[in-house]
Amino acid sequence: MVNNNNNDNSTQRRIYTVSELNANIKALLEENFPFIWICGEISNLSTPVSGHSYFTLKDGNAQINAVIFRGQKKKLTFSLENGMGITGLGRISLYEPRGNYQIIFEYLEPEGIGALQVAFEQLKARLFDEGLFDETHKKSIPFLPQKIGIVTSPTGAVVHDILKIISRRFENLHIEIIPVKVQGDGSAEEIVSGLELLNTRADVEVIILARGGGSLEDLHPFNSEAVARAVFMSEIPVISAIGHETDFTIADFTADLRASTPSVAAELVVPVKEDLLRRCAELSKNMTVGLDNHIEYLRTLLNGVSKRLVDPKRKIQDLRLRTDDLTNQMIKELTNNIIKQKRDRLLWRTDKLYSYNPLIYVKSIKVILEKLNSNLLYYFKKNISNKRALCKERSARLLALSPTAILSRGYSITRTIPDASVVRDSKSVSIGQDLEIMVEKGFLICNVKGKSDNAETNI
């Protein structure tokens, strides 16, 4: 007889459900692999709307699913890309509904080079593609700014070096320092706020963004996107003076001018005052010599023209003398010719009368004589009237040519002071020169405010 109870115990089996088995495996994995370091290459990278990044981490022989959640990914200073080699710290876990195991990363860094360097190269490439480095966006630095803004640490040696060099090159220049942190947490935000403050107030003509040298980690604020965009968006020209000559930051590429060191920035922002004074003296001397030569040339030219110019007063006097001469000639002609001729004729007739003793014709001759005398007076008056009309006509013509008559029609004569030379060309006078303007009744003293010479206008 077979013992059925013993047979049931020996054949008793432990049967797991899928959920139980996955739960046990999950607990086993998480217990034995709480946190591990692992390296590999990213492939099949995807980032859904949740913001988590899912990818496959592989090497030459195997692969494993991986994920980094949005909260941990925000702490990364670089962007994940397919084909990128990484080293990361994570924990092994099992996704029970599907039975897939994966590694959940808490920290990632690029393999071979630092995360900051990768972030630098990625941001540099992205901003370059957006055109933030284009020369067309660069603003010119003013030659001699009236006020300079400096965004830097107030306690470092950089600010003292800049102030010392600027003071040595051009003393008493207005400088405003915006104190900010240049490294560490919150430094990028302070730099952005400093740049925005200067742009809001808009009372400086150029900004120097400066700090001393340091490691890539120390220069990280100047490699941040926020600072790079704040420098690019600045309406005021920005000179970047960050680190040493071999140090390059993203802010250097978006700035309007890069100085290799803060000391070089101080030399670039202002010229040497003594050099400017020396140059101004040279220009002033050259201008004075050139102006004197030009004035002498104009004076010589004016003297030559003045010698060829007839004085209107002398012309009038000449015409008056000629009029008197013509009048005297006319009177002389009337006296010596006409009257003499009539007198001779009268004497001839009288002699003839006495010769023939024409007593009979005395009355008739007397009438004729009176008539002749009347005609003589008539012709004499008529001749005088004609000569007087001719004289008036010539006087009227002379008067029409007189400068006084021209002035009465609204014209004027402009002369320089004090040499009273007539002005015929706008080039012969200069801005600010006093002039005398002769009108019909009186004179005007005016000052030249502007002048025009055909196409050229100087007002």
Protein backbone atom coordinates (compact mmCIF):
# COMPACT_ATOMS: atom_id res chain seq x y z
CA MET A 1 0.00 0.00 0.00
CA VAL A 2 1.45 3.34 -1.08
CA ASN A 3 1.64 6.24 1.34
CA ASN A 4 0.05 9.06 -0.60
CA ASN A 5 0.92 11.73 1.98
CA ASN A 6 4.68 11.12 1.65
CA ASN A 7 4.42 11.27 -2.12
CA ASP A 8 2.64 14.66 -1.97
CA ASN A 9 5.35 16.19 0.25
CA SER A 10 8.22 14.99 -1.94
CA THR A 11 6.64 16.35 -5.04
CA GLN A 12 5.61 19.77 -3.51
CA ARG A 13 6.93 22.70 -5.72
CA ARG A 14 7.45 26.48 -5.17
CA ILE A 15 5.65 28.24 -7.95
CA TYR A 16 6.32 31.99 -8.47
CA THR A 17 4.14 34.41 -10.24
CA VAL A 18 5.79 36.71 -12.78
CA SER A 19 5.30 39.65 -10.49
CA GLU A 20 6.86 37.83 -7.55
CA LEU A 21 9.84 36.76 -9.59
CA ASN A 22 10.43 40.26 -10.95
CA ALA A 23 10.07 41.73 -7.47
CA ASN A 24 12.62 39.30 -6.08
CA ILE A 25 15.02 39.98 -8.92
CA LYS A 26 14.54 43.76 -8.45
CA ALA A 27 15.30 43.44 -4.73
CA LEU A 28 18.31 41.26 -5.45
CA LEU A 29 19.74 43.70 -8.00
CA GLU A 30 19.15 46.80 -5.90
CA GLU A 31 20.59 45.10 -2.81
CA ASN A 32 23.75 43.89 -4.51
CA PHE A 33 24.28 46.91 -6.81
CA PRO A 34 23.15 49.98 -4.80
CA PHE A 35 25.49 52.40 -6.62
CA ILE A 36 28.09 51.61 -9.24
CA TRP A 37 30.35 53.51 -11.60
CA ILE A 38 30.00 52.52 -15.23
CA CYS A 39 31.32 53.82 -18.53
CA GLY A 40 30.14 53.35 -22.10
CA GLU A 41 28.84 55.05 -25.26
CA ILE A 42 25.41 56.64 -25.60
CA SER A 43 23.08 55.44 -28.38
CA ASN A 44 19.34 55.53 -29.09
CA LEU A 45 19.01 58.74 -27.04
CA SER A 46 15.44 60.01 -26.61
CA THR A 47 13.87 62.68 -24.41
CA PRO A 48 10.05 62.60 -24.22
CA VAL A 49 7.85 65.44 -22.94
CA SER A 50 8.53 64.38 -19.36
CA GLY A 51 12.08 65.72 -19.67
CA HIS A 52 13.70 62.42 -18.65
CA SER A 53 16.38 61.08 -21.01
CA TYR A 54 16.38 57.42 -22.03
CA PHE A 55 19.30 55.82 -23.88
CA THR A 56 21.32 52.67 -24.40
CA LEU A 57 24.77 52.47 -22.85
CA LYS A 58 27.03 50.13 -24.77
CA ASP A 59 30.60 49.00 -25.31
CA GLY A 60 32.09 46.70 -27.94
CA ASN A 61 30.34 43.52 -26.69
CA ALA A 62 27.22 44.40 -24.71
CA GLN A 63 24.64 47.04 -23.88
CA ILE A 64 22.34 48.10 -21.06
CA ASN A 65 19.30 50.37 -20.89
CA ALA A 66 19.84 53.60 -18.99
CA VAL A 67 17.84 56.61 -17.83
CA ILE A 68 18.59 59.91 -16.12
CA PHE A 69 15.64 61.77 -14.67
CA ARG A 70 14.91 65.44 -15.32
CA GLY A 71 15.97 66.63 -11.86
CA GLN A 72 19.45 65.09 -12.12
CA LYS A 73 19.80 66.15 -15.77
CA LYS A 74 19.35 69.83 -14.89
CA LYS A 75 22.54 69.62 -12.84
CA LEU A 76 24.59 68.61 -15.87
CA THR A 77 26.74 71.33 -17.48
CA PHE A 78 26.67 69.66 -20.91
CA SER A 79 24.12 68.13 -23.26
CA LEU A 80 23.83 64.40 -23.93
CA GLU A 81 24.47 63.32 -27.53
CA ASN A 82 24.46 60.03 -29.40
CA GLY A 83 27.98 58.64 -29.73
CA MET A 84 29.26 60.49 -26.63
CA GLY A 85 31.40 58.47 -24.26
CA ILE A 86 30.42 58.98 -20.62
CA THR A 87 31.27 57.80 -17.12
CA GLY A 88 28.46 57.85 -14.60
CA LEU A 89 27.30 56.90 -11.12
CA GLY A 90 24.01 55.01 -10.95
CA ARG A 91 22.03 52.21 -9.41
CA ILE A 92 20.73 48.99 -11.02
CA SER A 93 16.95 48.62 -11.04
CA LEU A 94 14.31 46.45 -12.71
CA TYR A 95 11.21 47.78 -14.38
CA GLU A 96 8.79 45.10 -13.16
CA PRO A 97 5.94 45.56 -15.70
CA ARG A 98 8.27 44.65 -18.55
CA GLY A 99 10.96 42.67 -16.80
CA ASN A 100 13.70 44.92 -18.18
CA TYR A 101 16.57 45.89 -15.99
CA GLN A 102 18.31 49.24 -16.39
CA ILE A 103 20.69 51.59 -14.70
CA ILE A 104 19.36 54.84 -13.27
CA PHE A 105 22.07 57.51 -13.33
CA GLU A 106 22.51 60.13 -10.62
CA TYR A 107 25.62 61.75 -12.13
CA LEU A 108 27.26 61.82 -15.55
CA GLU A 109 30.45 63.28 -16.93
CA PRO A 110 32.01 63.07 -20.41
CA GLU A 111 34.65 60.46 -20.81
CA GLY A 112 38.16 61.72 -21.53
CA ILE A 113 37.47 65.50 -21.11
CA GLY A 114 35.76 67.49 -18.39
CA ALA A 115 32.09 68.37 -18.35
CA LEU A 116 32.87 72.08 -18.30
CA GLN A 117 34.95 71.79 -21.46
CA VAL A 118 32.18 69.88 -23.23
CA ALA A 119 29.64 72.48 -22.11
CA PHE A 120 31.96 75.21 -23.36
CA GLU A 121 32.30 73.65 -26.82
CA GLN A 122 28.59 72.89 -27.11
CA LEU A 123 27.50 76.39 -26.10
CA LYS A 124 30.13 77.96 -28.34
CA ALA A 125 28.91 75.96 -31.36
CA ARG A 126 25.25 76.77 -30.65
CA LEU A 127 25.81 80.52 -30.21
CA PHE A 128 28.00 80.56 -33.31
CA ASP A 129 25.18 78.99 -35.32
CA GLU A 130 22.80 81.66 -33.97
CA GLY A 131 25.14 84.40 -35.26
CA LEU A 132 26.08 85.90 -31.88
CA PHE A 133 29.76 85.95 -32.86
CA ASP A 134 29.27 87.72 -36.22
CA GLU A 135 31.36 90.84 -36.77
CA THR A 136 28.30 92.65 -38.13
CA HIS A 137 26.91 92.81 -34.59
CA LYS A 138 30.08 94.30 -33.08
CA LYS A 139 29.74 97.91 -31.92
CA SER A 140 32.66 100.31 -32.23
CA ILE A 141 34.48 101.40 -29.07
CA PRO A 142 34.37 105.19 -28.51
CA PHE A 143 37.73 106.90 -29.02
CA LEU A 144 37.57 108.90 -25.78
CA PRO A 145 34.63 107.87 -23.55
CA GLN A 146 33.43 110.45 -21.05
CA LYS A 147 32.42 107.74 -18.56
CA ILE A 148 33.52 104.09 -18.25
CA GLY A 149 31.67 101.28 -16.47
CA ILE A 150 33.67 98.37 -14.98
CA VAL A 151 31.91 95.13 -14.03
CA THR A 152 34.28 93.12 -11.84
CA SER A 153 35.12 92.05 -8.30
CA PRO A 154 35.78 95.08 -6.08
CA THR A 155 38.37 93.23 -3.98
CA GLY A 156 40.68 91.73 -6.61
CA ALA A 157 43.86 93.15 -8.05
CA VAL A 158 42.21 93.48 -11.46
CA VAL A 159 40.17 96.57 -10.61
CA HIS A 160 43.20 98.30 -9.08
CA ASP A 161 45.33 97.58 -12.15
CA ILE A 162 42.65 98.95 -14.47
CA LEU A 163 42.17 102.12 -12.41
CA LYS A 164 45.91 102.66 -12.17
CA ILE A 165 46.52 102.32 -15.91
CA ILE A 166 43.52 104.48 -16.90
CA SER A 167 44.57 107.18 -14.43
CA ARG A 168 48.11 107.13 -15.79
CA ARG A 169 46.95 107.40 -19.41
CA PHE A 170 44.12 109.91 -18.89
CA GLU A 171 43.67 111.29 -15.39
CA ASN A 172 40.38 112.52 -13.89
CA LEU A 173 38.26 110.31 -16.15
CA HIS A 174 34.83 109.38 -14.76
CA ILE A 175 34.75 105.65 -13.87
CA GLU A 176 31.89 103.69 -12.29
CA ILE A 177 32.55 100.26 -10.77
CA ILE A 178 29.72 97.70 -10.54
CA PRO A 179 30.86 95.18 -7.88
CA VAL A 180 29.95 91.55 -8.70
CA LYS A 181 31.10 88.04 -7.85
CA VAL A 182 33.29 86.65 -10.61
CA GLN A 183 33.23 82.99 -9.56
CA GLY A 184 31.14 80.63 -7.50
CA ASP A 185 27.39 80.20 -7.10
CA GLY A 186 25.31 83.19 -8.18
CA SER A 187 28.21 84.92 -9.92
CA ALA A 188 26.69 84.62 -13.40
CA GLU A 189 23.43 86.17 -12.17
CA GLU A 190 25.30 89.09 -10.56
CA ILE A 191 27.29 89.72 -13.77
CA VAL A 192 24.08 89.76 -15.82
CA SER A 193 22.45 92.13 -13.32
CA GLY A 194 25.47 94.45 -13.46
CA LEU A 195 25.36 94.63 -17.26
CA GLU A 196 21.60 95.22 -17.25
CA LEU A 197 21.98 97.95 -14.61
CA LEU A 198 24.48 99.90 -16.71
CA ASN A 199 22.29 99.54 -19.81
CA THR A 200 19.21 100.68 -17.91
CA ARG A 201 20.94 103.79 -16.60
CA ALA A 202 22.66 104.39 -19.97
CA ASP A 203 25.13 106.91 -18.55
CA VAL A 204 28.38 105.15 -19.52
CA GLU A 205 29.82 104.97 -23.04
CA VAL A 206 31.74 101.69 -22.72
CA ILE A 207 31.77 98.70 -20.33
CA ILE A 208 34.81 96.66 -19.26
CA LEU A 209 33.92 93.13 -18.09
CA ALA A 210 37.01 91.92 -16.25
CA ARG A 211 38.50 89.31 -13.94
CA GLY A 212 41.90 87.75 -13.41
CA GLY A 213 43.12 84.37 -14.59
CA GLY A 214 41.99 81.03 -13.24
CA SER A 215 41.01 77.48 -14.06
CA LEU A 216 38.15 76.53 -16.35
CA GLU A 217 35.99 76.10 -13.26
CA ASP A 218 36.90 79.60 -12.05
CA LEU A 219 36.00 81.09 -15.43
CA HIS A 220 32.73 79.16 -15.65
CA PRO A 221 30.43 82.21 -15.07
CA PHE A 222 31.88 83.84 -18.18
CA ASN A 223 31.17 80.64 -20.15
CA SER A 224 27.50 80.63 -19.14
CA GLU A 225 24.81 81.29 -21.71
CA ALA A 226 23.15 83.98 -19.55
CA VAL A 227 26.33 86.10 -19.40
CA ALA A 228 27.08 85.54 -23.10
CA ARG A 229 23.61 86.72 -24.11
CA ALA A 230 23.70 89.68 -21.69
CA VAL A 231 26.98 90.83 -23.27
CA PHE A 232 25.52 90.40 -26.77
CA MET A 233 22.29 92.27 -25.91
CA SER A 234 24.12 95.21 -24.31
CA GLU A 235 23.39 98.48 -26.12
CA ILE A 236 26.63 99.84 -24.69
CA PRO A 237 29.88 98.50 -26.25
CA VAL A 238 31.48 95.81 -24.07
CA ILE A 239 35.21 95.03 -23.79
CA SER A 240 35.88 91.57 -22.34
CA ALA A 241 39.08 91.31 -20.31
CA ILE A 242 38.94 87.88 -18.70
CA GLY A 243 41.93 85.85 -17.55
CA HIS A 244 45.27 85.70 -19.28
CA GLU A 245 46.13 86.02 -22.96
CA THR A 246 45.62 82.29 -23.56
CA ASP A 247 42.24 82.18 -21.78
CA PHE A 248 39.15 82.33 -23.98
CA THR A 249 35.57 82.44 -22.74
CA ILE A 250 32.18 82.56 -24.45
CA ALA A 251 31.84 86.18 -23.29
CA ASP A 252 34.98 87.01 -25.32
CA PHE A 253 33.26 85.89 -28.53
CA THR A 254 30.03 87.84 -27.94
CA ALA A 255 31.79 90.99 -26.68
CA ASP A 256 32.40 93.90 -29.05
CA LEU A 257 36.15 93.78 -28.33
CA ARG A 258 38.36 91.23 -26.55
CA ALA A 259 41.37 92.34 -24.56
CA SER A 260 43.98 89.69 -23.81
CA THR A 261 44.26 90.91 -20.19
CA PRO A 262 42.51 93.49 -17.98
CA SER A 263 45.58 95.73 -18.24
CA VAL A 264 45.35 95.67 -22.05
CA ALA A 265 41.65 96.57 -21.77
CA ALA A 266 42.60 99.66 -19.75
CA GLU A 267 45.04 100.64 -22.50
CA LEU A 268 42.48 100.05 -25.25
CA VAL A 269 39.65 102.00 -23.65
CA VAL A 270 41.40 105.41 -23.47
CA PRO A 271 44.28 107.02 -25.38
CA VAL A 272 47.26 108.71 -23.74
CA LYS A 273 46.31 112.26 -22.80
CA GLU A 274 49.79 113.66 -23.51
CA ASP A 275 49.70 112.20 -27.03
CA LEU A 276 46.34 113.84 -27.67
CA LEU A 277 47.55 117.19 -26.38
CA ARG A 278 50.64 116.95 -28.55
CA ARG A 279 48.58 116.04 -31.60
CA CYS A 280 46.11 118.85 -30.91
CA ALA A 281 48.98 121.33 -30.67
CA GLU A 282 50.37 120.12 -34.00
CA LEU A 283 46.97 120.36 -35.69
CA SER A 284 46.37 123.81 -34.21
CA LYS A 285 49.73 125.02 -35.47
CA ASN A 286 49.16 123.58 -38.94
CA MET A 287 45.68 125.08 -39.04
CA THR A 288 46.99 128.51 -37.98
CA VAL A 289 49.75 128.47 -40.60
CA GLY A 290 47.36 127.30 -43.28
CA LEU A 291 44.77 129.89 -42.32
CA ASP A 292 47.36 132.68 -42.30
CA ASN A 293 48.58 131.64 -45.75
CA HIS A 294 45.05 131.51 -47.09
CA ILE A 295 44.21 134.92 -45.62
CA GLU A 296 47.35 136.39 -47.13
CA TYR A 297 46.43 134.90 -50.50
CA LEU A 298 42.92 136.34 -50.26
CA ARG A 299 44.32 139.72 -49.19
CA THR A 300 46.63 139.77 -52.21
CA LEU A 301 43.76 138.78 -54.47
CA LEU A 302 41.51 141.44 -52.95
CA ASN A 303 44.13 144.14 -53.37
CA GLY A 304 44.53 143.22 -57.02
CA VAL A 305 40.78 143.36 -57.59
CA SER A 306 40.47 146.63 -55.65
CA LYS A 307 43.09 148.29 -57.85
CA ARG A 308 41.12 147.37 -60.95
CA LEU A 309 37.82 148.47 -59.45
CA VAL A 310 36.72 152.09 -60.15
CA ASP A 311 35.33 153.93 -57.16
CA PRO A 312 31.66 154.89 -57.87
CA LYS A 313 32.20 158.27 -56.22
CA ARG A 314 35.06 159.07 -58.58
CA LYS A 315 32.91 157.98 -61.52
CA ILE A 316 30.15 160.36 -60.46
CA GLN A 317 32.63 163.21 -60.05
CA ASP A 318 34.00 162.56 -63.55
CA LEU A 319 30.53 162.60 -65.01
CA ARG A 320 29.70 165.84 -63.20
CA LEU A 321 32.83 167.50 -64.61
CA ARG A 322 31.95 166.32 -68.08
CA THR A 323 28.42 167.69 -67.70
CA ASP A 324 29.77 171.08 -66.65
CA ASP A 325 32.17 171.02 -69.59
CA LEU A 326 29.38 170.25 -72.04
CA THR A 327 27.23 173.00 -70.55
CA ASN A 328 30.03 175.52 -70.93
CA GLN A 329 30.63 174.44 -74.51
CA MET A 330 26.93 174.81 -75.26
CA ILE A 331 26.78 178.30 -73.84
CA LYS A 332 29.96 179.29 -75.62
CA GLU A 333 28.56 177.99 -78.88
CA LEU A 334 25.35 179.91 -78.47
CA THR A 335 27.17 183.08 -77.56
CA ASN A 336 29.95 183.02 -80.11
CA ASN A 337 28.16 181.58 -83.10
CA ILE A 338 24.44 182.23 -83.25
CA ILE A 339 24.37 185.60 -81.55
CA LYS A 340 27.46 186.75 -83.43
CA GLN A 341 25.93 185.58 -86.67
CA LYS A 342 22.71 187.46 -86.02
CA ARG A 343 24.61 190.51 -84.96
CA ASP A 344 26.72 190.44 -88.09
CA ARG A 345 23.62 190.09 -90.18
CA LEU A 346 21.99 192.98 -88.39
CA LEU A 347 25.03 195.16 -88.91
CA TRP A 348 25.14 194.22 -92.57
CA ARG A 349 21.53 195.20 -93.02
CA THR A 350 22.04 198.40 -91.12
CA ASP A 351 25.00 199.29 -93.30
CA LYS A 352 22.96 198.50 -96.36
CA LEU A 353 20.15 200.63 -95.08
CA TYR A 354 22.41 203.56 -94.47
CA SER A 355 24.03 203.04 -97.82
CA TYR A 356 20.82 203.25 -99.73
CA ASN A 357 19.03 205.57 -97.29
CA PRO A 358 15.75 203.79 -97.63
CA LEU A 359 13.68 206.23 -95.64
CA ILE A 360 10.61 205.16 -97.51
CA TYR A 361 10.97 201.66 -96.30
CA VAL A 362 11.73 202.58 -92.71
CA LYS A 363 8.43 201.40 -91.35
CA SER A 364 8.38 198.24 -93.33
CA ILE A 365 11.98 197.53 -92.51
CA LYS A 366 11.23 198.27 -88.89
CA VAL A 367 8.44 195.72 -88.93
CA ILE A 368 10.69 193.26 -90.62
CA LEU A 369 13.38 194.03 -88.07
CA GLU A 370 11.03 193.46 -85.20
CA LYS A 371 9.89 190.26 -86.78
CA LEU A 372 13.44 189.15 -87.27
CA ASN A 373 14.20 190.11 -83.70
CA SER A 374 11.18 188.11 -82.54
CA ASN A 375 12.28 185.13 -84.60
CA LEU A 376 15.74 185.51 -83.22
CA LEU A 377 14.41 185.36 -79.69
CA TYR A 378 12.16 182.43 -80.58
CA TYR A 379 14.95 180.40 -82.10
CA PHE A 380 17.23 181.35 -79.23
CA LYS A 381 14.65 180.13 -76.65
CA LYS A 382 13.92 177.03 -78.71
CA ASN A 383 17.61 176.19 -78.93
CA ILE A 384 18.00 176.75 -75.18
CA SER A 385 14.95 174.50 -74.56
CA ASN A 386 16.36 171.74 -76.76
CA LYS A 387 19.71 171.91 -75.05
CA ARG A 388 18.01 171.87 -71.65
CA ALA A 389 15.93 168.79 -72.63
CA LEU A 390 19.09 167.07 -73.85
CA CYS A 391 20.80 167.96 -70.59
CA LYS A 392 17.86 166.55 -68.56
CA GLU A 393 17.89 163.35 -70.62
CA ARG A 394 21.58 162.84 -70.04
CA SER A 395 21.20 163.71 -66.35
CA ALA A 396 18.39 161.13 -66.08
CA ARG A 397 20.54 158.50 -67.76
CA LEU A 398 23.40 159.42 -65.46
CA LEU A 399 21.08 159.20 -62.46
CA ALA A 400 19.88 155.74 -63.58
CA LEU A 401 23.47 154.53 -63.45
CA SER A 402 24.03 156.05 -60.01
CA PRO A 403 24.41 153.60 -57.08
CA THR A 404 21.97 155.76 -55.14
CA ALA A 405 19.26 155.03 -57.69
CA ILE A 406 20.05 151.30 -57.49
CA LEU A 407 19.73 151.43 -53.72
CA SER A 408 16.32 153.12 -54.02
CA ARG A 409 15.02 150.06 -55.91
CA GLY A 410 15.69 147.79 -52.91
CA TYR A 411 19.27 146.73 -53.65
CA SER A 412 22.14 147.10 -51.18
CA ILE A 413 25.92 147.25 -51.21
CA THR A 414 27.80 144.99 -48.79
CA ARG A 415 31.27 145.99 -47.65
CA THR A 416 33.73 144.47 -45.21
CA ILE A 417 34.74 146.08 -41.94
CA PRO A 418 36.99 147.99 -41.51
CA ASP A 419 38.56 148.18 -45.00
CA ALA A 420 35.16 148.88 -46.70
CA SER A 421 35.82 146.47 -49.58
CA VAL A 422 32.75 145.56 -51.65
CA VAL A 423 31.73 141.88 -51.16
CA ARG A 424 31.11 140.07 -54.47
CA ASP A 425 31.77 136.46 -53.48
CA SER A 426 30.66 134.46 -50.41
CA LYS A 427 34.14 132.91 -50.29
CA SER A 428 35.68 136.29 -49.46
CA VAL A 429 33.96 136.38 -46.07
CA SER A 430 34.04 133.95 -43.17
CA ILE A 431 31.55 132.75 -40.58
CA GLY A 432 31.26 135.25 -37.71
CA GLN A 433 32.73 138.20 -39.73
CA ASP A 434 31.06 141.63 -39.33
CA LEU A 435 29.85 143.32 -42.53
CA GLU A 436 28.50 146.80 -43.38
CA ILE A 437 25.39 146.84 -45.61
CA MET A 438 24.60 150.13 -47.38
CA VAL A 439 20.86 150.64 -48.12
CA GLU A 440 19.03 153.67 -49.57
CA LYS A 441 18.77 155.37 -46.23
CA GLY A 442 21.52 154.54 -43.81
CA PHE A 443 23.80 151.56 -43.07
CA LEU A 444 23.42 148.17 -41.36
CA ILE A 445 26.09 146.27 -39.37
CA CYS A 446 25.53 142.49 -39.69
CA ASN A 447 27.31 139.30 -38.61
CA VAL A 448 27.74 136.29 -40.96
CA LYS A 449 25.86 133.29 -39.45
CA GLY A 450 26.08 131.11 -42.55
CA LYS A 451 26.91 131.20 -46.22
CA SER A 452 26.26 129.25 -49.42
CA ASP A 453 28.44 128.79 -52.48
CA ASN A 454 26.32 127.05 -55.13
CA ALA A 455 26.44 123.33 -54.13
CA GLU A 456 28.34 123.90 -50.85
CA THR A 457 26.42 125.23 -47.87
CA ASN A 458 27.89 126.14 -44.53
CA ILE A 459 25.26 127.12 -41.98
